[in-house]
Amino acid sequence: MANHKSALKRIRQNEKIRLRNRIQRGNMRSAIKAARTAIEQGSLEEARGLFLRATALIDSTASKGVIHRNTASRKISRLARAFNKAAAN
């Protein structure tokens, strides 16, 4: 355990940030999962809305620094590819 006052404060801050990041990441993952489920079921109108919501959440998660911007781009790209493939059929 840390002894310095600044180190103790940094530990408290890191815990708050970790919990905030965890919530953000969880919301993003839930949105991606919902979009993928809708795409697999073939309901395109619902999938379109969920895809847009997931894309926005991925972007906001990346802009807050929870995930790397390249990771966000990769997730959006894969989700868009799955959506476009389902829409083409």
PDB file of N, CA and C in Angstrom:
ATOM      1  N   MET A   1       0.837  -1.182   0.000  1.00  0.00           N
ATOM      2  CA  MET A   1       0.000   0.000   0.000  1.00  0.00           C
ATOM      3  C   MET A   1       0.883   1.246   0.000  1.00  0.00           C
ATOM      4  N   ALA A   2       0.421   2.268  -0.672  1.00  0.00           N
ATOM      5  CA  ALA A   2       1.197   3.497  -0.799  1.00  0.00           C
ATOM      6  C   ALA A   2       1.227   4.269   0.518  1.00  0.00           C
ATOM      7  N   ASN A   3       2.288   5.028   0.722  1.00  0.00           N
ATOM      8  CA  ASN A   3       2.432   5.819   1.946  1.00  0.00           C
ATOM      9  C   ASN A   3       2.251   7.311   1.704  1.00  0.00           C
ATOM     10  N   HIS A   4       2.562   7.769   0.500  1.00  0.00           N
ATOM     11  CA  HIS A   4       2.486   9.200   0.217  1.00  0.00           C
ATOM     12  C   HIS A   4       1.050   9.630  -0.042  1.00  0.00           C
ATOM     13  N   LYS A   5       0.761  10.832   0.365  1.00  0.00           N
ATOM     14  CA  LYS A   5      -0.589  11.371   0.211  1.00  0.00           C
ATOM     15  C   LYS A   5      -1.006  11.423  -1.254  1.00  0.00           C
ATOM     16  N   SER A   6      -0.094  11.825  -2.113  1.00  0.00           N
ATOM     17  CA  SER A   6      -0.408  11.930  -3.543  1.00  0.00           C
ATOM     18  C   SER A   6      -0.644  10.547  -4.157  1.00  0.00           C
ATOM     19  N   ALA A   7       0.101   9.549  -3.689  1.00  0.00           N
ATOM     20  CA  ALA A   7      -0.062   8.192  -4.199  1.00  0.00           C
ATOM     21  C   ALA A   7      -1.402   7.609  -3.767  1.00  0.00           C
ATOM     22  N   LEU A   8      -1.808   7.904  -2.544  1.00  0.00           N
ATOM     23  CA  LEU A   8      -3.119   7.443  -2.059  1.00  0.00           C
ATOM     24  C   LEU A   8      -4.245   8.078  -2.863  1.00  0.00           C
ATOM     25  N   LYS A   9      -4.078   9.361  -3.167  1.00  0.00           N
ATOM     26  CA  LYS A   9      -5.089  10.050  -3.977  1.00  0.00           C
ATOM     27  C   LYS A   9      -5.141   9.445  -5.376  1.00  0.00           C
ATOM     28  N   ARG A  10      -3.982   9.156  -5.944  1.00  0.00           N
ATOM     29  CA  ARG A  10      -3.931   8.580  -7.281  1.00  0.00           C
ATOM     30  C   ARG A  10      -4.623   7.205  -7.303  1.00  0.00           C
ATOM     31  N   ILE A  11      -4.476   6.430  -6.247  1.00  0.00           N
ATOM     32  CA  ILE A  11      -5.152   5.129  -6.143  1.00  0.00           C
ATOM     33  C   ILE A  11      -6.661   5.319  -6.148  1.00  0.00           C
ATOM     34  N   ARG A  12      -7.145   6.302  -5.385  1.00  0.00           N
ATOM     35  CA  ARG A  12      -8.591   6.581  -5.351  1.00  0.00           C
ATOM     36  C   ARG A  12      -9.093   7.024  -6.729  1.00  0.00           C
ATOM     37  N   GLN A  13      -8.335   7.881  -7.391  1.00  0.00           N
ATOM     38  CA  GLN A  13      -8.726   8.360  -8.716  1.00  0.00           C
ATOM     39  C   GLN A  13      -8.756   7.218  -9.729  1.00  0.00           C
ATOM     40  N   ASN A  14      -7.737   6.373  -9.682  1.00  0.00           N
ATOM     41  CA  ASN A  14      -7.667   5.257 -10.624  1.00  0.00           C
ATOM     42  C   ASN A  14      -8.857   4.323 -10.471  1.00  0.00           C
ATOM     43  N   GLU A  15      -9.293   4.102  -9.253  1.00  0.00           N
ATOM     44  CA  GLU A  15     -10.441   3.218  -9.017  1.00  0.00           C
ATOM     45  C   GLU A  15     -11.720   3.822  -9.601  1.00  0.00           C
ATOM     46  N   LYS A  16     -11.914   5.119  -9.411  1.00  0.00           N
ATOM     47  CA  LYS A  16     -13.091   5.790  -9.981  1.00  0.00           C
ATOM     48  C   LYS A  16     -13.075   5.720 -11.506  1.00  0.00           C
ATOM     49  N   ILE A  17     -11.915   5.983 -12.076  1.00  0.00           N
ATOM     50  CA  ILE A  17     -11.774   5.958 -13.529  1.00  0.00           C
ATOM     51  C   ILE A  17     -11.997   4.550 -14.068  1.00  0.00           C
ATOM     52  N   ARG A  18     -11.463   3.538 -13.357  1.00  0.00           N
ATOM     53  CA  ARG A  18     -11.629   2.151 -13.774  1.00  0.00           C
ATOM     54  C   ARG A  18     -13.102   1.769 -13.818  1.00  0.00           C
ATOM     55  N   LEU A  19     -13.848   2.164 -12.793  1.00  0.00           N
ATOM     56  CA  LEU A  19     -15.275   1.840 -12.750  1.00  0.00           C
ATOM     57  C   LEU A  19     -16.043   2.556 -13.860  1.00  0.00           C
ATOM     58  N   ARG A  20     -15.686   3.815 -14.109  1.00  0.00           N
ATOM     59  CA  ARG A  20     -16.338   4.573 -15.171  1.00  0.00           C
ATOM     60  C   ARG A  20     -16.056   3.942 -16.526  1.00  0.00           C
ATOM     61  N   ASN A  21     -14.795   3.552 -16.757  1.00  0.00           N
ATOM     62  CA  ASN A  21     -14.417   2.912 -18.015  1.00  0.00           C
ATOM     63  C   ASN A  21     -15.139   1.580 -18.187  1.00  0.00           C
ATOM     64  N   ARG A  22     -15.284   0.852 -17.102  1.00  0.00           N
ATOM     65  CA  ARG A  22     -15.939  -0.455 -17.146  1.00  0.00           C
ATOM     66  C   ARG A  22     -17.401  -0.316 -17.574  1.00  0.00           C
ATOM     67  N   ILE A  23     -18.072   0.705 -17.066  1.00  0.00           N
ATOM     68  CA  ILE A  23     -19.464   0.952 -17.450  1.00  0.00           C
ATOM     69  C   ILE A  23     -19.551   1.300 -18.923  1.00  0.00           C
ATOM     70  N   GLN A  24     -18.661   2.187 -19.377  1.00  0.00           N
ATOM     71  CA  GLN A  24     -18.632   2.584 -20.790  1.00  0.00           C
ATOM     72  C   GLN A  24     -18.401   1.374 -21.694  1.00  0.00           C
ATOM     73  N   ARG A  25     -17.411   0.559 -21.333  1.00  0.00           N
ATOM     74  CA  ARG A  25     -17.066  -0.610 -22.143  1.00  0.00           C
ATOM     75  C   ARG A  25     -18.216  -1.610 -22.156  1.00  0.00           C
ATOM     76  N   GLY A  26     -18.861  -1.785 -21.013  1.00  0.00           N
ATOM     77  CA  GLY A  26     -19.990  -2.708 -20.927  1.00  0.00           C
ATOM     78  C   GLY A  26     -21.163  -2.264 -21.784  1.00  0.00           C
ATOM     79  N   ASN A  27     -21.472  -0.963 -21.749  1.00  0.00           N
ATOM     80  CA  ASN A  27     -22.552  -0.429 -22.586  1.00  0.00           C
ATOM     81  C   ASN A  27     -22.241  -0.621 -24.061  1.00  0.00           C
ATOM     82  N   MET A  28     -20.985  -0.398 -24.429  1.00  0.00           N
ATOM     83  CA  MET A  28     -20.574  -0.567 -25.815  1.00  0.00           C
ATOM     84  C   MET A  28     -20.728  -2.028 -26.248  1.00  0.00           C
ATOM     85  N   ARG A  29     -20.260  -2.940 -25.410  1.00  0.00           N
ATOM     86  CA  ARG A  29     -20.347  -4.364 -25.743  1.00  0.00           C
ATOM     87  C   ARG A  29     -21.796  -4.821 -25.851  1.00  0.00           C
ATOM     88  N   SER A  30     -22.658  -4.319 -24.969  1.00  0.00           N
ATOM     89  CA  SER A  30     -24.079  -4.682 -25.021  1.00  0.00           C
ATOM     90  C   SER A  30     -24.715  -4.196 -26.316  1.00  0.00           C
ATOM     91  N   ALA A  31     -24.358  -2.989 -26.728  1.00  0.00           N
ATOM     92  CA  ALA A  31     -24.906  -2.434 -27.962  1.00  0.00           C
ATOM     93  C   ALA A  31     -24.440  -3.243 -29.170  1.00  0.00           C
ATOM     94  N   ILE A  32     -23.175  -3.646 -29.180  1.00  0.00           N
ATOM     95  CA  ILE A  32     -22.648  -4.448 -30.284  1.00  0.00           C
ATOM     96  C   ILE A  32     -23.354  -5.797 -30.330  1.00  0.00           C
ATOM     97  N   LYS A  33     -23.528  -6.397 -29.166  1.00  0.00           N
ATOM     98  CA  LYS A  33     -24.183  -7.707 -29.102  1.00  0.00           C
ATOM     99  C   LYS A  33     -25.630  -7.620 -29.584  1.00  0.00           C
ATOM    100  N   ALA A  34     -26.340  -6.563 -29.177  1.00  0.00           N
ATOM    101  CA  ALA A  34     -27.730  -6.384 -29.604  1.00  0.00           C
ATOM    102  C   ALA A  34     -27.809  -6.208 -31.114  1.00  0.00           C
ATOM    103  N   ALA A  35     -26.882  -5.428 -31.676  1.00  0.00           N
ATOM    104  CA  ALA A  35     -26.863  -5.202 -33.122  1.00  0.00           C
ATOM    105  C   ALA A  35     -26.563  -6.507 -33.858  1.00  0.00           C
ATOM    106  N   ARG A  36     -25.586  -7.254 -33.377  1.00  0.00           N
ATOM    107  CA  ARG A  36     -25.245  -8.529 -34.018  1.00  0.00           C
ATOM    108  C   ARG A  36     -26.407  -9.515 -33.958  1.00  0.00           C
ATOM    109  N   THR A  37     -27.104  -9.554 -32.840  1.00  0.00           N
ATOM    110  CA  THR A  37     -28.254 -10.448 -32.695  1.00  0.00           C
ATOM    111  C   THR A  37     -29.341 -10.080 -33.688  1.00  0.00           C
ATOM    112  N   ALA A  38     -29.626  -8.780 -33.815  1.00  0.00           N
ATOM    113  CA  ALA A  38     -30.649  -8.324 -34.757  1.00  0.00           C
ATOM    114  C   ALA A  38     -30.245  -8.635 -36.195  1.00  0.00           C
ATOM    115  N   ILE A  39     -28.964  -8.492 -36.502  1.00  0.00           N
ATOM    116  CA  ILE A  39     -28.471  -8.790 -37.854  1.00  0.00           C
ATOM    117  C   ILE A  39     -28.636 -10.273 -38.153  1.00  0.00           C
ATOM    118  N   GLU A  40     -28.285 -11.117 -37.176  1.00  0.00           N
ATOM    119  CA  GLU A  40     -28.390 -12.565 -37.383  1.00  0.00           C
ATOM    120  C   GLU A  40     -29.834 -13.021 -37.533  1.00  0.00           C
ATOM    121  N   GLN A  41     -30.762 -12.338 -36.837  1.00  0.00           N
ATOM    122  CA  GLN A  41     -32.175 -12.704 -36.934  1.00  0.00           C
ATOM    123  C   GLN A  41     -32.800 -12.206 -38.231  1.00  0.00           C
ATOM    124  N   GLY A  42     -32.161 -11.254 -38.875  1.00  0.00           N
ATOM    125  CA  GLY A  42     -32.626 -10.782 -40.173  1.00  0.00           C
ATOM    126  C   GLY A  42     -33.626  -9.643 -40.128  1.00  0.00           C
ATOM    127  N   SER A  43     -33.867  -9.067 -38.948  1.00  0.00           N
ATOM    128  CA  SER A  43     -34.777  -7.919 -38.866  1.00  0.00           C
ATOM    129  C   SER A  43     -33.981  -6.650 -39.175  1.00  0.00           C
ATOM    130  N   LEU A  44     -34.024  -6.238 -40.445  1.00  0.00           N
ATOM    131  CA  LEU A  44     -33.134  -5.171 -40.915  1.00  0.00           C
ATOM    132  C   LEU A  44     -33.454  -3.799 -40.344  1.00  0.00           C
ATOM    133  N   GLU A  45     -34.733  -3.467 -40.176  1.00  0.00           N
ATOM    134  CA  GLU A  45     -35.074  -2.143 -39.648  1.00  0.00           C
ATOM    135  C   GLU A  45     -34.579  -1.990 -38.214  1.00  0.00           C
ATOM    136  N   GLU A  46     -34.812  -3.018 -37.422  1.00  0.00           N
ATOM    137  CA  GLU A  46     -34.329  -2.999 -36.038  1.00  0.00           C
ATOM    138  C   GLU A  46     -32.806  -2.999 -36.023  1.00  0.00           C
ATOM    139  N   ALA A  47     -32.207  -3.803 -36.896  1.00  0.00           N
ATOM    140  CA  ALA A  47     -30.748  -3.901 -36.969  1.00  0.00           C
ATOM    141  C   ALA A  47     -30.129  -2.562 -37.364  1.00  0.00           C
ATOM    142  N   ARG A  48     -30.792  -1.834 -38.260  1.00  0.00           N
ATOM    143  CA  ARG A  48     -30.263  -0.540 -38.688  1.00  0.00           C
ATOM    144  C   ARG A  48     -30.163   0.430 -37.506  1.00  0.00           C
ATOM    145  N   GLY A  49     -31.235   0.505 -36.720  1.00  0.00           N
ATOM    146  CA  GLY A  49     -31.230   1.384 -35.548  1.00  0.00           C
ATOM    147  C   GLY A  49     -30.195   0.966 -34.522  1.00  0.00           C
ATOM    148  N   LEU A  50     -30.118  -0.330 -34.266  1.00  0.00           N
ATOM    149  CA  LEU A  50     -29.146  -0.829 -33.289  1.00  0.00           C
ATOM    150  C   LEU A  50     -27.717  -0.660 -33.795  1.00  0.00           C
ATOM    151  N   PHE A  51     -27.535  -0.798 -35.104  1.00  0.00           N
ATOM    152  CA  PHE A  51     -26.207  -0.599 -35.700  1.00  0.00           C
ATOM    153  C   PHE A  51     -25.758   0.855 -35.516  1.00  0.00           C
ATOM    154  N   LEU A  52     -26.660   1.793 -35.779  1.00  0.00           N
ATOM    155  CA  LEU A  52     -26.316   3.212 -35.616  1.00  0.00           C
ATOM    156  C   LEU A  52     -26.022   3.550 -34.159  1.00  0.00           C
ATOM    157  N   ARG A  53     -26.818   2.983 -33.245  1.00  0.00           N
ATOM    158  CA  ARG A  53     -26.598   3.221 -31.816  1.00  0.00           C
ATOM    159  C   ARG A  53     -25.253   2.643 -31.387  1.00  0.00           C
ATOM    160  N   ALA A  54     -24.947   1.426 -31.834  1.00  0.00           N
ATOM    161  CA  ALA A  54     -23.682   0.797 -31.476  1.00  0.00           C
ATOM    162  C   ALA A  54     -22.502   1.591 -32.024  1.00  0.00           C
ATOM    163  N   THR A  55     -22.637   2.077 -33.249  1.00  0.00           N
ATOM    164  CA  THR A  55     -21.570   2.873 -33.859  1.00  0.00           C
ATOM    165  C   THR A  55     -21.308   4.140 -33.049  1.00  0.00           C
ATOM    166  N   ALA A  56     -22.388   4.803 -32.641  1.00  0.00           N
ATOM    167  CA  ALA A  56     -22.239   6.023 -31.842  1.00  0.00           C
ATOM    168  C   ALA A  56     -21.581   5.715 -30.497  1.00  0.00           C
ATOM    169  N   LEU A  57     -21.973   4.621 -29.877  1.00  0.00           N
ATOM    170  CA  LEU A  57     -21.382   4.255 -28.586  1.00  0.00           C
ATOM    171  C   LEU A  57     -19.907   3.895 -28.728  1.00  0.00           C
ATOM    172  N   ILE A  58     -19.569   3.213 -29.792  1.00  0.00           N
ATOM    173  CA  ILE A  58     -18.163   2.856 -30.028  1.00  0.00           C
ATOM    174  C   ILE A  58     -17.338   4.125 -30.206  1.00  0.00           C
ATOM    175  N   ASP A  59     -17.862   5.063 -31.002  1.00  0.00           N
ATOM    176  CA  ASP A  59     -17.148   6.327 -31.224  1.00  0.00           C
ATOM    177  C   ASP A  59     -16.965   7.105 -29.925  1.00  0.00           C
ATOM    178  N   SER A  60     -18.029   7.189 -29.126  1.00  0.00           N
ATOM    179  CA  SER A  60     -17.925   7.956 -27.886  1.00  0.00           C
ATOM    180  C   SER A  60     -16.981   7.276 -26.897  1.00  0.00           C
ATOM    181  N   THR A  61     -16.983   5.949 -26.883  1.00  0.00           N
ATOM    182  CA  THR A  61     -16.069   5.221 -26.005  1.00  0.00           C
ATOM    183  C   THR A  61     -14.618   5.494 -26.404  1.00  0.00           C
ATOM    184  N   ALA A  62     -14.368   5.539 -27.705  1.00  0.00           N
ATOM    185  CA  ALA A  62     -13.011   5.827 -28.183  1.00  0.00           C
ATOM    186  C   ALA A  62     -12.622   7.267 -27.889  1.00  0.00           C
ATOM    187  N   SER A  63     -13.558   8.193 -28.056  1.00  0.00           N
ATOM    188  CA  SER A  63     -13.224   9.601 -27.828  1.00  0.00           C
ATOM    189  C   SER A  63     -12.933   9.880 -26.360  1.00  0.00           C
ATOM    190  N   LYS A  64     -13.490   9.072 -25.465  1.00  0.00           N
ATOM    191  CA  LYS A  64     -13.222   9.234 -24.039  1.00  0.00           C
ATOM    192  C   LYS A  64     -11.951   8.513 -23.609  1.00  0.00           C
ATOM    193  N   GLY A  65     -11.330   7.795 -24.547  1.00  0.00           N
ATOM    194  CA  GLY A  65     -10.059   7.150 -24.259  1.00  0.00           C
ATOM    195  C   GLY A  65     -10.182   5.792 -23.593  1.00  0.00           C
ATOM    196  N   VAL A  66     -11.381   5.233 -23.570  1.00  0.00           N
ATOM    197  CA  VAL A  66     -11.565   3.925 -22.945  1.00  0.00           C
ATOM    198  C   VAL A  66     -10.984   2.837 -23.835  1.00  0.00           C
ATOM    199  N   ILE A  67     -11.203   2.969 -25.154  1.00  0.00           N
ATOM    200  CA  ILE A  67     -10.588   2.061 -26.109  1.00  0.00           C
ATOM    201  C   ILE A  67      -9.796   2.887 -27.114  1.00  0.00           C
ATOM    202  N   HIS A  68      -8.868   2.251 -27.783  1.00  0.00           N
ATOM    203  CA  HIS A  68      -8.041   2.935 -28.780  1.00  0.00           C
ATOM    204  C   HIS A  68      -8.873   3.238 -30.025  1.00  0.00           C
ATOM    205  N   ARG A  69      -8.537   4.300 -30.725  1.00  0.00           N
ATOM    206  CA  ARG A  69      -9.328   4.698 -31.897  1.00  0.00           C
ATOM    207  C   ARG A  69      -9.266   3.656 -33.010  1.00  0.00           C
ATOM    208  N   ASN A  70      -8.130   2.950 -33.131  1.00  0.00           N
ATOM    209  CA  ASN A  70      -8.047   1.894 -34.141  1.00  0.00           C
ATOM    210  C   ASN A  70      -8.926   0.709 -33.783  1.00  0.00           C
ATOM    211  N   THR A  71      -9.034   0.422 -32.506  1.00  0.00           N
ATOM    212  CA  THR A  71      -9.925  -0.642 -32.049  1.00  0.00           C
ATOM    213  C   THR A  71     -11.366  -0.270 -32.370  1.00  0.00           C
ATOM    214  N   ALA A  72     -11.702   0.988 -32.144  1.00  0.00           N
ATOM    215  CA  ALA A  72     -13.054   1.463 -32.451  1.00  0.00           C
ATOM    216  C   ALA A  72     -13.333   1.340 -33.944  1.00  0.00           C
ATOM    217  N   SER A  73     -12.375   1.731 -34.762  1.00  0.00           N
ATOM    218  CA  SER A  73     -12.545   1.635 -36.211  1.00  0.00           C
ATOM    219  C   SER A  73     -12.732   0.195 -36.643  1.00  0.00           C
ATOM    220  N   ARG A  74     -11.969  -0.699 -36.055  1.00  0.00           N
ATOM    221  CA  ARG A  74     -12.070  -2.111 -36.395  1.00  0.00           C
ATOM    222  C   ARG A  74     -13.439  -2.674 -36.012  1.00  0.00           C
ATOM    223  N   LYS A  75     -13.922  -2.323 -34.832  1.00  0.00           N
ATOM    224  CA  LYS A  75     -15.231  -2.817 -34.381  1.00  0.00           C
ATOM    225  C   LYS A  75     -16.343  -2.287 -35.280  1.00  0.00           C
ATOM    226  N   ILE A  76     -16.284  -1.000 -35.627  1.00  0.00           N
ATOM    227  CA  ILE A  76     -17.306  -0.405 -36.492  1.00  0.00           C
ATOM    228  C   ILE A  76     -17.252  -1.054 -37.871  1.00  0.00           C
ATOM    229  N   SER A  77     -16.044  -1.270 -38.384  1.00  0.00           N
ATOM    230  CA  SER A  77     -15.884  -1.861 -39.703  1.00  0.00           C
ATOM    231  C   SER A  77     -16.476  -3.265 -39.760  1.00  0.00           C
ATOM    232  N   ARG A  78     -16.190  -4.068 -38.763  1.00  0.00           N
ATOM    233  CA  ARG A  78     -16.699  -5.441 -38.742  1.00  0.00           C
ATOM    234  C   ARG A  78     -18.217  -5.467 -38.598  1.00  0.00           C
ATOM    235  N   LEU A  79     -18.739  -4.569 -37.782  1.00  0.00           N
ATOM    236  CA  LEU A  79     -20.185  -4.498 -37.601  1.00  0.00           C
ATOM    237  C   LEU A  79     -20.857  -4.034 -38.889  1.00  0.00           C
ATOM    238  N   ALA A  80     -20.260  -3.046 -39.556  1.00  0.00           N
ATOM    239  CA  ALA A  80     -20.817  -2.541 -40.817  1.00  0.00           C
ATOM    240  C   ALA A  80     -20.772  -3.610 -41.895  1.00  0.00           C
ATOM    241  N   ARG A  81     -19.689  -4.366 -41.922  1.00  0.00           N
ATOM    242  CA  ARG A  81     -19.565  -5.440 -42.908  1.00  0.00           C
ATOM    243  C   ARG A  81     -20.644  -6.500 -42.702  1.00  0.00           C
ATOM    244  N   ALA A  82     -20.902  -6.850 -41.447  1.00  0.00           N
ATOM    245  CA  ALA A  82     -21.950  -7.846 -41.149  1.00  0.00           C
ATOM    246  C   ALA A  82     -23.320  -7.302 -41.513  1.00  0.00           C
ATOM    247  N   PHE A  83     -23.560  -6.014 -41.213  1.00  0.00           N
ATOM    248  CA  PHE A  83     -24.857  -5.411 -41.536  1.00  0.00           C
ATOM    249  C   PHE A  83     -25.076  -5.342 -43.041  1.00  0.00           C
ATOM    250  N   ASN A  84     -24.051  -4.901 -43.779  1.00  0.00           N
ATOM    251  CA  ASN A  84     -24.177  -4.798 -45.226  1.00  0.00           C
ATOM    252  C   ASN A  84     -24.358  -6.151 -45.886  1.00  0.00           C
ATOM    253  N   LYS A  85     -23.711  -7.167 -45.339  1.00  0.00           N
ATOM    254  CA  LYS A  85     -23.868  -8.513 -45.874  1.00  0.00           C
ATOM    255  C   LYS A  85     -25.304  -8.994 -45.677  1.00  0.00           C
ATOM    256  N   ALA A  86     -25.879  -8.718 -44.506  1.00  0.00           N
ATOM    257  CA  ALA A  86     -27.264  -9.122 -44.231  1.00  0.00           C
ATOM    258  C   ALA A  86     -28.243  -8.318 -45.080  1.00  0.00           C
ATOM    259  N   ALA A  87     -27.939  -7.044 -45.313  1.00  0.00           N
ATOM    260  CA  ALA A  87     -28.832  -6.193 -46.110  1.00  0.00           C
ATOM    261  C   ALA A  87     -28.812  -6.586 -47.571  1.00  0.00           C
ATOM    262  N   ALA A  88     -27.686  -7.104 -48.038  1.00  0.00           N
ATOM    263  CA  ALA A  88     -27.581  -7.508 -49.442  1.00  0.00           C
ATOM    264  C   ALA A  88     -28.395  -8.757 -49.740  1.00  0.00           C
ATOM    265  N   ASN A  89     -28.595  -9.579 -48.735  1.00  0.00           N
ATOM    266  CA  ASN A  89     -29.337 -10.840 -48.936  1.00  0.00           C
ATOM    267  C   ASN A  89     -30.813 -10.666 -48.821  1.00  0.00           C
TER     268      ASN A  89
END
